[in-house]
Amino acid sequence: MSQSDTGLLARVFHPQAVYLSATGDTLIHKTMAEYFPIVAAREAPAARGEPRADRIVGIAFAGPKTATARVNCAIGPKFFTDCLTLILDEGRWQIISKVFHWEERTT
């Protein structure tokens, strides 16, 4: 996300992954085909010199092919909490869903 590199994102997101957020008044629901052009069109946080504020809060396995990860990051004025669901598909772990909440940063 820091690089706005959809090539790298395509390696970690499953092609059928979904992107969701209930923050705000309207549910956001996108496919990767809808989401990647948005990422590609914006200026990369790294290009703006934004410091990284990434943190893995926790990872839990639900089975041998399913896991969840809760992570934090900040982009611009927003602080994100992402709930990622991962699956092991064809020998590779990939994100199948990203459900997130964001808040305005205070610092």
PDB file of N, CA and C in Angstrom:
ATOM      1  N   MET A   1       0.818  -1.188   0.000  1.00  0.00           N
ATOM      2  CA  MET A   1       0.000   0.000   0.000  1.00  0.00           C
ATOM      3  C   MET A   1       0.862   1.253   0.000  1.00  0.00           C
ATOM      4  N   SER A   2       1.969   1.203   0.697  1.00  0.00           N
ATOM      5  CA  SER A   2       2.846   2.369   0.784  1.00  0.00           C
ATOM      6  C   SER A   2       3.399   2.762  -0.580  1.00  0.00           C
ATOM      7  N   GLN A   3       3.618   1.780  -1.427  1.00  0.00           N
ATOM      8  CA  GLN A   3       4.165   2.026  -2.764  1.00  0.00           C
ATOM      9  C   GLN A   3       3.086   2.230  -3.825  1.00  0.00           C
ATOM     10  N   SER A   4       1.831   1.934  -3.493  1.00  0.00           N
ATOM     11  CA  SER A   4       0.716   1.945  -4.459  1.00  0.00           C
ATOM     12  C   SER A   4       1.040   1.039  -5.650  1.00  0.00           C
ATOM     13  N   ASP A   5       1.678  -0.086  -5.369  1.00  0.00           N
ATOM     14  CA  ASP A   5       2.128  -1.023  -6.402  1.00  0.00           C
ATOM     15  C   ASP A   5       1.119  -2.161  -6.543  1.00  0.00           C
ATOM     16  N   THR A   6       0.283  -2.077  -7.557  1.00  0.00           N
ATOM     17  CA  THR A   6      -0.742  -3.100  -7.748  1.00  0.00           C
ATOM     18  C   THR A   6      -0.144  -4.435  -8.181  1.00  0.00           C
ATOM     19  N   GLY A   7       1.030  -4.432  -8.747  1.00  0.00           N
ATOM     20  CA  GLY A   7       1.700  -5.691  -9.071  1.00  0.00           C
ATOM     21  C   GLY A   7       2.025  -6.480  -7.812  1.00  0.00           C
ATOM     22  N   LEU A   8       2.535  -5.784  -6.810  1.00  0.00           N
ATOM     23  CA  LEU A   8       2.809  -6.446  -5.524  1.00  0.00           C
ATOM     24  C   LEU A   8       1.512  -6.857  -4.839  1.00  0.00           C
ATOM     25  N   LEU A   9       0.506  -5.994  -4.883  1.00  0.00           N
ATOM     26  CA  LEU A   9      -0.774  -6.335  -4.263  1.00  0.00           C
ATOM     27  C   LEU A   9      -1.400  -7.557  -4.911  1.00  0.00           C
ATOM     28  N   ALA A  10      -1.255  -7.690  -6.228  1.00  0.00           N
ATOM     29  CA  ALA A  10      -1.822  -8.841  -6.940  1.00  0.00           C
ATOM     30  C   ALA A  10      -1.168 -10.150  -6.504  1.00  0.00           C
ATOM     31  N   ARG A  11       0.033 -10.072  -5.978  1.00  0.00           N
ATOM     32  CA  ARG A  11       0.698 -11.278  -5.488  1.00  0.00           C
ATOM     33  C   ARG A  11       0.143 -11.728  -4.140  1.00  0.00           C
ATOM     34  N   VAL A  12      -0.354 -10.795  -3.332  1.00  0.00           N
ATOM     35  CA  VAL A  12      -0.833 -11.165  -2.000  1.00  0.00           C
ATOM     36  C   VAL A  12      -2.349 -11.284  -1.906  1.00  0.00           C
ATOM     37  N   PHE A  13      -3.075 -10.628  -2.807  1.00  0.00           N
ATOM     38  CA  PHE A  13      -4.532 -10.743  -2.820  1.00  0.00           C
ATOM     39  C   PHE A  13      -4.953 -11.818  -3.816  1.00  0.00           C
ATOM     40  N   HIS A  14      -5.824 -12.704  -3.400  1.00  0.00           N
ATOM     41  CA  HIS A  14      -6.404 -13.703  -4.290  1.00  0.00           C
ATOM     42  C   HIS A  14      -7.209 -12.960  -5.364  1.00  0.00           C
ATOM     43  N   PRO A  15      -7.230 -13.457  -6.595  1.00  0.00           N
ATOM     44  CA  PRO A  15      -7.986 -12.758  -7.649  1.00  0.00           C
ATOM     45  C   PRO A  15      -9.477 -12.581  -7.325  1.00  0.00           C
ATOM     46  N   GLN A  16     -10.032 -13.448  -6.487  1.00  0.00           N
ATOM     47  CA  GLN A  16     -11.456 -13.344  -6.131  1.00  0.00           C
ATOM     48  C   GLN A  16     -11.669 -12.631  -4.792  1.00  0.00           C
ATOM     49  N   ALA A  17     -10.630 -11.975  -4.281  1.00  0.00           N
ATOM     50  CA  ALA A  17     -10.721 -11.305  -2.986  1.00  0.00           C
ATOM     51  C   ALA A  17     -11.721 -10.153  -3.021  1.00  0.00           C
ATOM     52  N   VAL A  18     -12.240  -9.834  -1.854  1.00  0.00           N
ATOM     53  CA  VAL A  18     -13.159  -8.708  -1.704  1.00  0.00           C
ATOM     54  C   VAL A  18     -12.558  -7.693  -0.732  1.00  0.00           C
ATOM     55  N   TYR A  19     -12.976  -6.446  -0.921  1.00  0.00           N
ATOM     56  CA  TYR A  19     -12.504  -5.291  -0.169  1.00  0.00           C
ATOM     57  C   TYR A  19     -13.744  -4.621   0.392  1.00  0.00           C
ATOM     58  N   LEU A  20     -13.846  -4.547   1.728  1.00  0.00           N
ATOM     59  CA  LEU A  20     -15.073  -4.068   2.365  1.00  0.00           C
ATOM     60  C   LEU A  20     -14.790  -3.122   3.520  1.00  0.00           C
ATOM     61  N   SER A  21     -15.686  -2.145   3.689  1.00  0.00           N
ATOM     62  CA  SER A  21     -15.637  -1.288   4.867  1.00  0.00           C
ATOM     63  C   SER A  21     -17.027  -0.761   5.170  1.00  0.00           C
ATOM     64  N   ALA A  22     -17.358  -0.748   6.455  1.00  0.00           N
ATOM     65  CA  ALA A  22     -18.634  -0.181   6.902  1.00  0.00           C
ATOM     66  C   ALA A  22     -18.412   1.176   7.563  1.00  0.00           C
ATOM     67  N   THR A  23     -17.180   1.697   7.529  1.00  0.00           N
ATOM     68  CA  THR A  23     -16.904   3.018   8.079  1.00  0.00           C
ATOM     69  C   THR A  23     -17.653   4.045   7.239  1.00  0.00           C
ATOM     70  N   GLY A  24     -18.291   4.971   7.871  1.00  0.00           N
ATOM     71  CA  GLY A  24     -19.061   5.979   7.141  1.00  0.00           C
ATOM     72  C   GLY A  24     -20.503   5.541   6.960  1.00  0.00           C
ATOM     73  N   ASP A  25     -21.198   6.246   6.104  1.00  0.00           N
ATOM     74  CA  ASP A  25     -22.633   6.006   5.924  1.00  0.00           C
ATOM     75  C   ASP A  25     -22.962   4.924   4.907  1.00  0.00           C
ATOM     76  N   THR A  26     -22.035   4.620   4.021  1.00  0.00           N
ATOM     77  CA  THR A  26     -22.299   3.690   2.935  1.00  0.00           C
ATOM     78  C   THR A  26     -21.315   2.527   2.975  1.00  0.00           C
ATOM     79  N   LEU A  27     -21.818   1.314   2.849  1.00  0.00           N
ATOM     80  CA  LEU A  27     -20.957   0.140   2.775  1.00  0.00           C
ATOM     81  C   LEU A  27     -20.106   0.213   1.511  1.00  0.00           C
ATOM     82  N   ILE A  28     -18.810   0.008   1.675  1.00  0.00           N
ATOM     83  CA  ILE A  28     -17.898  -0.074   0.530  1.00  0.00           C
ATOM     84  C   ILE A  28     -17.659  -1.548   0.261  1.00  0.00           C
ATOM     85  N   HIS A  29     -17.889  -1.974  -0.977  1.00  0.00           N
ATOM     86  CA  HIS A  29     -17.678  -3.360  -1.383  1.00  0.00           C
ATOM     87  C   HIS A  29     -17.091  -3.342  -2.783  1.00  0.00           C
ATOM     88  N   LYS A  30     -15.868  -3.820  -2.916  1.00  0.00           N
ATOM     89  CA  LYS A  30     -15.200  -3.815  -4.222  1.00  0.00           C
ATOM     90  C   LYS A  30     -14.513  -5.155  -4.471  1.00  0.00           C
ATOM     91  N   THR A  31     -14.399  -5.472  -5.747  1.00  0.00           N
ATOM     92  CA  THR A  31     -13.566  -6.590  -6.173  1.00  0.00           C
ATOM     93  C   THR A  31     -12.154  -6.052  -6.373  1.00  0.00           C
ATOM     94  N   MET A  32     -11.200  -6.914  -6.573  1.00  0.00           N
ATOM     95  CA  MET A  32      -9.841  -6.455  -6.843  1.00  0.00           C
ATOM     96  C   MET A  32      -9.781  -5.702  -8.173  1.00  0.00           C
ATOM     97  N   ALA A  33     -10.578  -6.116  -9.151  1.00  0.00           N
ATOM     98  CA  ALA A  33     -10.619  -5.421 -10.445  1.00  0.00           C
ATOM     99  C   ALA A  33     -11.108  -3.981 -10.275  1.00  0.00           C
ATOM    100  N   GLU A  34     -11.944  -3.742  -9.290  1.00  0.00           N
ATOM    101  CA  GLU A  34     -12.424  -2.381  -9.016  1.00  0.00           C
ATOM    102  C   GLU A  34     -11.454  -1.608  -8.117  1.00  0.00           C
ATOM    103  N   TYR A  35     -10.804  -2.304  -7.207  1.00  0.00           N
ATOM    104  CA  TYR A  35      -9.952  -1.662  -6.214  1.00  0.00           C
ATOM    105  C   TYR A  35      -8.567  -1.295  -6.748  1.00  0.00           C
ATOM    106  N   PHE A  36      -7.933  -2.158  -7.504  1.00  0.00           N
ATOM    107  CA  PHE A  36      -6.566  -1.909  -7.968  1.00  0.00           C
ATOM    108  C   PHE A  36      -6.423  -0.618  -8.774  1.00  0.00           C
ATOM    109  N   PRO A  37      -7.342  -0.274  -9.680  1.00  0.00           N
ATOM    110  CA  PRO A  37      -7.192   1.004 -10.390  1.00  0.00           C
ATOM    111  C   PRO A  37      -7.225   2.225  -9.462  1.00  0.00           C
ATOM    112  N   ILE A  38      -7.947   2.135  -8.363  1.00  0.00           N
ATOM    113  CA  ILE A  38      -7.981   3.228  -7.386  1.00  0.00           C
ATOM    114  C   ILE A  38      -6.602   3.399  -6.756  1.00  0.00           C
ATOM    115  N   VAL A  39      -5.995   2.274  -6.379  1.00  0.00           N
ATOM    116  CA  VAL A  39      -4.656   2.306  -5.788  1.00  0.00           C
ATOM    117  C   VAL A  39      -3.646   2.844  -6.800  1.00  0.00           C
ATOM    118  N   ALA A  40      -3.723   2.375  -8.029  1.00  0.00           N
ATOM    119  CA  ALA A  40      -2.769   2.776  -9.061  1.00  0.00           C
ATOM    120  C   ALA A  40      -2.864   4.265  -9.390  1.00  0.00           C
ATOM    121  N   ALA A  41      -4.044   4.842  -9.244  1.00  0.00           N
ATOM    122  CA  ALA A  41      -4.257   6.244  -9.622  1.00  0.00           C
ATOM    123  C   ALA A  41      -3.810   7.233  -8.551  1.00  0.00           C
ATOM    124  N   ARG A  42      -3.631   6.778  -7.326  1.00  0.00           N
ATOM    125  CA  ARG A  42      -3.276   7.729  -6.277  1.00  0.00           C
ATOM    126  C   ARG A  42      -1.763   7.831  -6.104  1.00  0.00           C
ATOM    127  N   GLU A  43      -1.346   8.972  -5.598  1.00  0.00           N
ATOM    128  CA  GLU A  43       0.065   9.154  -5.313  1.00  0.00           C
ATOM    129  C   GLU A  43       0.452   8.230  -4.158  1.00  0.00           C
ATOM    130  N   ALA A  44       1.542   7.531  -4.321  1.00  0.00           N
ATOM    131  CA  ALA A  44       1.998   6.588  -3.300  1.00  0.00           C
ATOM    132  C   ALA A  44       2.397   7.328  -2.032  1.00  0.00           C
ATOM    133  N   PRO A  45       1.984   6.828  -0.876  1.00  0.00           N
ATOM    134  CA  PRO A  45       2.419   7.448   0.378  1.00  0.00           C
ATOM    135  C   PRO A  45       3.943   7.554   0.475  1.00  0.00           C
ATOM    136  N   ALA A  46       4.656   6.563  -0.020  1.00  0.00           N
ATOM    137  CA  ALA A  46       6.125   6.594   0.010  1.00  0.00           C
ATOM    138  C   ALA A  46       6.660   7.755  -0.825  1.00  0.00           C
ATOM    139  N   ALA A  47       6.003   8.065  -1.939  1.00  0.00           N
ATOM    140  CA  ALA A  47       6.437   9.175  -2.790  1.00  0.00           C
ATOM    141  C   ALA A  47       6.238  10.524  -2.098  1.00  0.00           C
ATOM    142  N   ARG A  48       5.301  10.559  -1.154  1.00  0.00           N
ATOM    143  CA  ARG A  48       5.061  11.788  -0.380  1.00  0.00           C
ATOM    144  C   ARG A  48       5.960  11.849   0.854  1.00  0.00           C
ATOM    145  N   GLY A  49       6.755  10.814   1.057  1.00  0.00           N
ATOM    146  CA  GLY A  49       7.647  10.776   2.203  1.00  0.00           C
ATOM    147  C   GLY A  49       6.958  10.445   3.513  1.00  0.00           C
ATOM    148  N   GLU A  50       5.771   9.834   3.436  1.00  0.00           N
ATOM    149  CA  GLU A  50       5.062   9.476   4.661  1.00  0.00           C
ATOM    150  C   GLU A  50       5.799   8.366   5.400  1.00  0.00           C
ATOM    151  N   PRO A  51       5.964   8.517   6.698  1.00  0.00           N
ATOM    152  CA  PRO A  51       6.592   7.439   7.466  1.00  0.00           C
ATOM    153  C   PRO A  51       5.635   6.258   7.576  1.00  0.00           C
ATOM    154  N   ARG A  52       6.199   5.068   7.624  1.00  0.00           N
ATOM    155  CA  ARG A  52       5.388   3.857   7.780  1.00  0.00           C
ATOM    156  C   ARG A  52       4.900   3.749   9.215  1.00  0.00           C
ATOM    157  N   ALA A  53       3.683   3.273   9.383  1.00  0.00           N
ATOM    158  CA  ALA A  53       3.108   3.059  10.716  1.00  0.00           C
ATOM    159  C   ALA A  53       2.370   1.728  10.711  1.00  0.00           C
ATOM    160  N   ASP A  54       3.038   0.695  10.225  1.00  0.00           N
ATOM    161  CA  ASP A  54       2.433  -0.625  10.079  1.00  0.00           C
ATOM    162  C   ASP A  54       2.672  -1.453  11.335  1.00  0.00           C
ATOM    163  N   ARG A  55       1.664  -2.286  11.658  1.00  0.00           N
ATOM    164  CA  ARG A  55       1.799  -3.145  12.833  1.00  0.00           C
ATOM    165  C   ARG A  55       0.911  -4.364  12.656  1.00  0.00           C
ATOM    166  N   ILE A  56       1.463  -5.532  12.924  1.00  0.00           N
ATOM    167  CA  ILE A  56       0.664  -6.756  12.980  1.00  0.00           C
ATOM    168  C   ILE A  56       0.153  -6.878  14.407  1.00  0.00           C
ATOM    169  N   VAL A  57      -1.161  -6.828  14.579  1.00  0.00           N
ATOM    170  CA  VAL A  57      -1.768  -6.917  15.901  1.00  0.00           C
ATOM    171  C   VAL A  57      -1.877  -8.382  16.317  1.00  0.00           C
ATOM    172  N   GLY A  58      -2.254  -9.240  15.351  1.00  0.00           N
ATOM    173  CA  GLY A  58      -2.378 -10.656  15.678  1.00  0.00           C
ATOM    174  C   GLY A  58      -2.686 -11.491  14.463  1.00  0.00           C
ATOM    175  N   ILE A  59      -2.327 -12.765  14.563  1.00  0.00           N
ATOM    176  CA  ILE A  59      -2.615 -13.749  13.520  1.00  0.00           C
ATOM    177  C   ILE A  59      -3.175 -14.983  14.222  1.00  0.00           C
ATOM    178  N   ALA A  60      -4.244 -15.535  13.658  1.00  0.00           N
ATOM    179  CA  ALA A  60      -4.847 -16.744  14.232  1.00  0.00           C
ATOM    180  C   ALA A  60      -5.201 -17.703  13.101  1.00  0.00           C
ATOM    181  N   PHE A  61      -4.906 -18.973  13.326  1.00  0.00           N
ATOM    182  CA  PHE A  61      -5.266 -19.994  12.354  1.00  0.00           C
ATOM    183  C   PHE A  61      -6.624 -20.577  12.713  1.00  0.00           C
ATOM    184  N   ALA A  62      -7.483 -20.692  11.706  1.00  0.00           N
ATOM    185  CA  ALA A  62      -8.792 -21.322  11.880  1.00  0.00           C
ATOM    186  C   ALA A  62      -8.747 -22.769  11.412  1.00  0.00           C
ATOM    187  N   GLY A  63      -7.699 -23.140  10.750  1.00  0.00           N
ATOM    188  CA  GLY A  63      -7.505 -24.483  10.219  1.00  0.00           C
ATOM    189  C   GLY A  63      -6.235 -24.492   9.400  1.00  0.00           C
ATOM    190  N   PRO A  64      -5.922 -25.615   8.768  1.00  0.00           N
ATOM    191  CA  PRO A  64      -4.674 -25.710   8.019  1.00  0.00           C
ATOM    192  C   PRO A  64      -4.632 -24.855   6.756  1.00  0.00           C
ATOM    193  N   LYS A  65      -5.797 -24.376   6.289  1.00  0.00           N
ATOM    194  CA  LYS A  65      -5.834 -23.577   5.061  1.00  0.00           C
ATOM    195  C   LYS A  65      -6.526 -22.227   5.234  1.00  0.00           C
ATOM    196  N   THR A  66      -6.797 -21.844   6.484  1.00  0.00           N
ATOM    197  CA  THR A  66      -7.514 -20.598   6.736  1.00  0.00           C
ATOM    198  C   THR A  66      -6.907 -19.901   7.945  1.00  0.00           C
ATOM    199  N   ALA A  67      -6.700 -18.592   7.810  1.00  0.00           N
ATOM    200  CA  ALA A  67      -6.161 -17.796   8.913  1.00  0.00           C
ATOM    201  C   ALA A  67      -6.737 -16.387   8.853  1.00  0.00           C
ATOM    202  N   THR A  68      -6.628 -15.697   9.971  1.00  0.00           N
ATOM    203  CA  THR A  68      -7.011 -14.294  10.007  1.00  0.00           C
ATOM    204  C   THR A  68      -5.841 -13.487  10.546  1.00  0.00           C
ATOM    205  N   ALA A  69      -5.742 -12.271  10.084  1.00  0.00           N
ATOM    206  CA  ALA A  69      -4.721 -11.352  10.579  1.00  0.00           C
ATOM    207  C   ALA A  69      -5.377 -10.003  10.820  1.00  0.00           C
ATOM    208  N   ARG A  70      -4.995  -9.399  11.921  1.00  0.00           N
ATOM    209  CA  ARG A  70      -5.456  -8.035  12.215  1.00  0.00           C
ATOM    210  C   ARG A  70      -4.227  -7.151  12.166  1.00  0.00           C
ATOM    211  N   VAL A  71      -4.274  -6.139  11.304  1.00  0.00           N
ATOM    212  CA  VAL A  71      -3.114  -5.273  11.097  1.00  0.00           C
ATOM    213  C   VAL A  71      -3.538  -3.806  11.125  1.00  0.00           C
ATOM    214  N   ASN A  72      -2.586  -2.944  11.453  1.00  0.00           N
ATOM    215  CA  ASN A  72      -2.799  -1.505  11.426  1.00  0.00           C
ATOM    216  C   ASN A  72      -1.846  -0.870  10.433  1.00  0.00           C
ATOM    217  N   CYS A  73      -2.301   0.205   9.812  1.00  0.00           N
ATOM    218  CA  CYS A  73      -1.431   1.033   8.987  1.00  0.00           C
ATOM    219  C   CYS A  73      -2.025   2.430   8.923  1.00  0.00           C
ATOM    220  N   ALA A  74      -1.239   3.372   8.460  1.00  0.00           N
ATOM    221  CA  ALA A  74      -1.704   4.741   8.306  1.00  0.00           C
ATOM    222  C   ALA A  74      -1.348   5.221   6.909  1.00  0.00           C
ATOM    223  N   ILE A  75      -2.306   5.887   6.287  1.00  0.00           N
ATOM    224  CA  ILE A  75      -2.086   6.497   4.975  1.00  0.00           C
ATOM    225  C   ILE A  75      -2.712   7.880   5.032  1.00  0.00           C
ATOM    226  N   GLY A  76      -1.892   8.890   4.778  1.00  0.00           N
ATOM    227  CA  GLY A  76      -2.403  10.253   4.856  1.00  0.00           C
ATOM    228  C   GLY A  76      -2.964  10.514   6.238  1.00  0.00           C
ATOM    229  N   PRO A  77      -4.141  11.119   6.308  1.00  0.00           N
ATOM    230  CA  PRO A  77      -4.717  11.447   7.612  1.00  0.00           C
ATOM    231  C   PRO A  77      -5.484  10.292   8.260  1.00  0.00           C
ATOM    232  N   LYS A  78      -5.474   9.111   7.623  1.00  0.00           N
ATOM    233  CA  LYS A  78      -6.289   8.004   8.110  1.00  0.00           C
ATOM    234  C   LYS A  78      -5.450   6.908   8.757  1.00  0.00           C
ATOM    235  N   PHE A  79      -5.977   6.383   9.870  1.00  0.00           N
ATOM    236  CA  PHE A  79      -5.393   5.237  10.559  1.00  0.00           C
ATOM    237  C   PHE A  79      -6.336   4.065  10.336  1.00  0.00           C
ATOM    238  N   PHE A  80      -5.821   2.971   9.797  1.00  0.00           N
ATOM    239  CA  PHE A  80      -6.628   1.822   9.407  1.00  0.00           C
ATOM    240  C   PHE A  80      -6.420   0.631  10.331  1.00  0.00           C
ATOM    241  N   THR A  81      -7.494  -0.074  10.601  1.00  0.00           N
ATOM    242  CA  THR A  81      -7.443  -1.405  11.191  1.00  0.00           C
ATOM    243  C   THR A  81      -8.027  -2.340  10.151  1.00  0.00           C
ATOM    244  N   ASP A  82      -7.201  -3.252   9.659  1.00  0.00           N
ATOM    245  CA  ASP A  82      -7.613  -4.214   8.642  1.00  0.00           C
ATOM    246  C   ASP A  82      -7.802  -5.586   9.277  1.00  0.00           C
ATOM    247  N   CYS A  83      -8.898  -6.228   8.951  1.00  0.00           N
ATOM    248  CA  CYS A  83      -9.149  -7.618   9.323  1.00  0.00           C
ATOM    249  C   CYS A  83      -9.026  -8.426   8.037  1.00  0.00           C
ATOM    250  N   LEU A  84      -7.947  -9.153   7.921  1.00  0.00           N
ATOM    251  CA  LEU A  84      -7.644  -9.901   6.702  1.00  0.00           C
ATOM    252  C   LEU A  84      -7.946 -11.378   6.911  1.00  0.00           C
ATOM    253  N   THR A  85      -8.631 -11.976   5.951  1.00  0.00           N
ATOM    254  CA  THR A  85      -8.835 -13.418   5.953  1.00  0.00           C
ATOM    255  C   THR A  85      -7.927 -13.986   4.869  1.00  0.00           C
ATOM    256  N   LEU A  86      -7.139 -14.978   5.246  1.00  0.00           N
ATOM    257  CA  LEU A  86      -6.193 -15.585   4.315  1.00  0.00           C
ATOM    258  C   LEU A  86      -6.557 -17.040   4.081  1.00  0.00           C
ATOM    259  N   ILE A  87      -6.284 -17.497   2.865  1.00  0.00           N
ATOM    260  CA  ILE A  87      -6.490 -18.904   2.525  1.00  0.00           C
ATOM    261  C   ILE A  87      -5.223 -19.440   1.866  1.00  0.00           C
ATOM    262  N   LEU A  88      -5.010 -20.717   2.046  1.00  0.00           N
ATOM    263  CA  LEU A  88      -3.921 -21.406   1.365  1.00  0.00           C
ATOM    264  C   LEU A  88      -4.513 -22.011   0.111  1.00  0.00           C
ATOM    265  N   ASP A  89      -4.143 -21.470  -1.047  1.00  0.00           N
ATOM    266  CA  ASP A  89      -4.695 -21.904  -2.324  1.00  0.00           C
ATOM    267  C   ASP A  89      -3.542 -22.207  -3.272  1.00  0.00           C
ATOM    268  N   GLU A  90      -3.502 -23.415  -3.776  1.00  0.00           N
ATOM    269  CA  GLU A  90      -2.457 -23.851  -4.704  1.00  0.00           C
ATOM    270  C   GLU A  90      -1.063 -23.604  -4.133  1.00  0.00           C
ATOM    271  N   GLY A  91      -0.915 -23.907  -2.822  1.00  0.00           N
ATOM    272  CA  GLY A  91       0.381 -23.820  -2.173  1.00  0.00           C
ATOM    273  C   GLY A  91       0.806 -22.421  -1.751  1.00  0.00           C
ATOM    274  N   ARG A  92      -0.067 -21.422  -1.886  1.00  0.00           N
ATOM    275  CA  ARG A  92       0.281 -20.036  -1.541  1.00  0.00           C
ATOM    276  C   ARG A  92      -0.764 -19.436  -0.615  1.00  0.00           C
ATOM    277  N   TRP A  93      -0.306 -18.729   0.419  1.00  0.00           N
ATOM    278  CA  TRP A  93      -1.213 -17.972   1.257  1.00  0.00           C
ATOM    279  C   TRP A  93      -1.561 -16.667   0.555  1.00  0.00           C
ATOM    280  N   GLN A  94      -2.848 -16.385   0.460  1.00  0.00           N
ATOM    281  CA  GLN A  94      -3.306 -15.142  -0.154  1.00  0.00           C
ATOM    282  C   GLN A  94      -4.477 -14.570   0.643  1.00  0.00           C
ATOM    283  N   ILE A  95      -4.617 -13.262   0.572  1.00  0.00           N
ATOM    284  CA  ILE A  95      -5.737 -12.584   1.220  1.00  0.00           C
ATOM    285  C   ILE A  95      -6.979 -12.787   0.367  1.00  0.00           C
ATOM    286  N   ILE A  96      -8.043 -13.310   0.965  1.00  0.00           N
ATOM    287  CA  ILE A  96      -9.303 -13.512   0.255  1.00  0.00           C
ATOM    288  C   ILE A  96     -10.323 -12.431   0.620  1.00  0.00           C
ATOM    289  N   SER A  97     -10.117 -11.789   1.790  1.00  0.00           N
ATOM    290  CA  SER A  97     -10.979 -10.659   2.131  1.00  0.00           C
ATOM    291  C   SER A  97     -10.228  -9.661   2.999  1.00  0.00           C
ATOM    292  N   LYS A  98     -10.524  -8.406   2.740  1.00  0.00           N
ATOM    293  CA  LYS A  98      -9.997  -7.307   3.543  1.00  0.00           C
ATOM    294  C   LYS A  98     -11.198  -6.500   4.010  1.00  0.00           C
ATOM    295  N   VAL A  99     -11.474  -6.557   5.304  1.00  0.00           N
ATOM    296  CA  VAL A  99     -12.551  -5.773   5.904  1.00  0.00           C
ATOM    297  C   VAL A  99     -11.868  -4.788   6.840  1.00  0.00           C
ATOM    298  N   PHE A 100     -12.143  -3.511   6.647  1.00  0.00           N
ATOM    299  CA  PHE A 100     -11.379  -2.528   7.405  1.00  0.00           C
ATOM    300  C   PHE A 100     -12.248  -1.420   7.982  1.00  0.00           C
ATOM    301  N   HIS A 101     -11.666  -0.765   8.986  1.00  0.00           N
ATOM    302  CA  HIS A 101     -12.241   0.415   9.615  1.00  0.00           C
ATOM    303  C   HIS A 101     -11.143   1.472   9.615  1.00  0.00           C
ATOM    304  N   TRP A 102     -11.523   2.727   9.439  1.00  0.00           N
ATOM    305  CA  TRP A 102     -10.524   3.783   9.530  1.00  0.00           C
ATOM    306  C   TRP A 102     -11.030   4.926  10.397  1.00  0.00           C
ATOM    307  N   GLU A 103     -10.065   5.649  10.961  1.00  0.00           N
ATOM    308  CA  GLU A 103     -10.329   6.834  11.780  1.00  0.00           C
ATOM    309  C   GLU A 103      -9.346   7.915  11.376  1.00  0.00           C
ATOM    310  N   GLU A 104      -9.703   9.151  11.595  1.00  0.00           N
ATOM    311  CA  GLU A 104      -8.769  10.257  11.370  1.00  0.00           C
ATOM    312  C   GLU A 104      -7.659  10.157  12.408  1.00  0.00           C
ATOM    313  N   ARG A 105      -6.416  10.335  11.945  1.00  0.00           N
ATOM    314  CA  ARG A 105      -5.285  10.323  12.873  1.00  0.00           C
ATOM    315  C   ARG A 105      -5.285  11.585  13.724  1.00  0.00           C
ATOM    316  N   THR A 106      -4.878  11.433  14.958  1.00  0.00           N
ATOM    317  CA  THR A 106      -4.823  12.589  15.845  1.00  0.00           C
ATOM    318  C   THR A 106      -3.420  13.184  15.906  1.00  0.00           C
ATOM    319  N   THR A 107      -2.401  12.424  15.453  1.00  0.00           N
ATOM    320  CA  THR A 107      -1.034  12.943  15.449  1.00  0.00           C
ATOM    321  C   THR A 107      -0.373  12.692  14.131  1.00  0.00           C
TER     322      THR A 107
END
